[in-house]
Amino acid sequence: MGDEEEDESSTEAWVSSVVQKGAYHGQATRGATKLHPGERLGWWSAQRFDRRARMRALVKGAVNDARTRVLLDTGANVSVISEKFAKQLRLRDVQGHGRCMEIQRFTKGTMATSRRALVKVTLGWQHVYEFELWIMDHCAGVDVVLGTDFMIPAGVRLGMFYATARLPEEVSIPLIKTLNMQDDRREGPHVNGGPTENLLVPSRGFAEYRMPRSQPSSNTHEVWVRRTKALLPTVVKSQRGKLVRVRLTNISNRPTSCPAHFPVLMWVPVGDLPKSDGYVRIGSNRYRD
């Protein structure tokens, strides 16, 4: 995201989590803390941020008292909220800020936005922060992504060893599971649904491949597809709703190949996120677009 690129030798840790309901039941919510760019609160006040190590945590939080899943991502240097969720919350754009942001890596190509909104973000049922989010649609799989522009001023850090996201004063949000670039067999693996052989897709044409008969259950897994600059995947289902085949449409002006086992389609455990950027969930607005 932003203009940063990942170091090829970087380590990327993925954390999927949910705040346990009632973890802070009965504790009063504190007044909102207004965050300012460049601040370094809590743990970050004495630590240097290492851009080579990317960590992501999926937690439950709230924006303006509307509960939602929030993705904490140290690989993102800006924080965003989807246009749909912003409209649902009736957020008002900040006027006259005179800034425009180009964002990439979890959108299709590079997208620019000048829309910002001041919101109240709640984490851990107690901590409330006033912060300006960029408004734009994205492919992160959640409505709200909080990057380092939020996490560092707020003093939020991800405690991988103790499986927690830690807030100032060592208040912890418990994480249910931790993934380190490997399948979590207890929750179910990420299953590749790519073609079993190389496909050559003609310019402005399409090619199809059939899906395996044995597929993960829709009760445990969600289906995500990955678009490329040239290939646009479309999932074809049977009358019973089972995936039958995938059609790859070449929208470029030259023939394009799709290698065997390229993860065009992935079955991802419910509540989890794909391990690579660029995926959209079947049935989402981004997929229909």
Foldseek 3Di string as FASTA:
>chain_A
DAPDDADPPAFEWEFEFEFDPPPPPPDDADDAAEFDFPAFDAPRVPDDDDLRYKYKYWYWKDKQNHIWIEIEIQNDPAKEFEQVVCVVVVFDWDPDPPDKGWDDFFAAGIDIFDTKGWIWIGDPNHYIYTDIHTYHDTAFATRIYHYPSPCRRQVWDQDQVQQWIAGHVRRTRHGPDIGRPAADPVLHGKDFFFAQAKDKAFEQGKDKDFGDPDDDDPVFWFKKFADDPFWQKDFDADPVGHTTMIMIGGHDRGIDMDGGSDRRMITGTPSGTDPGHRIHTPPDPVSVD
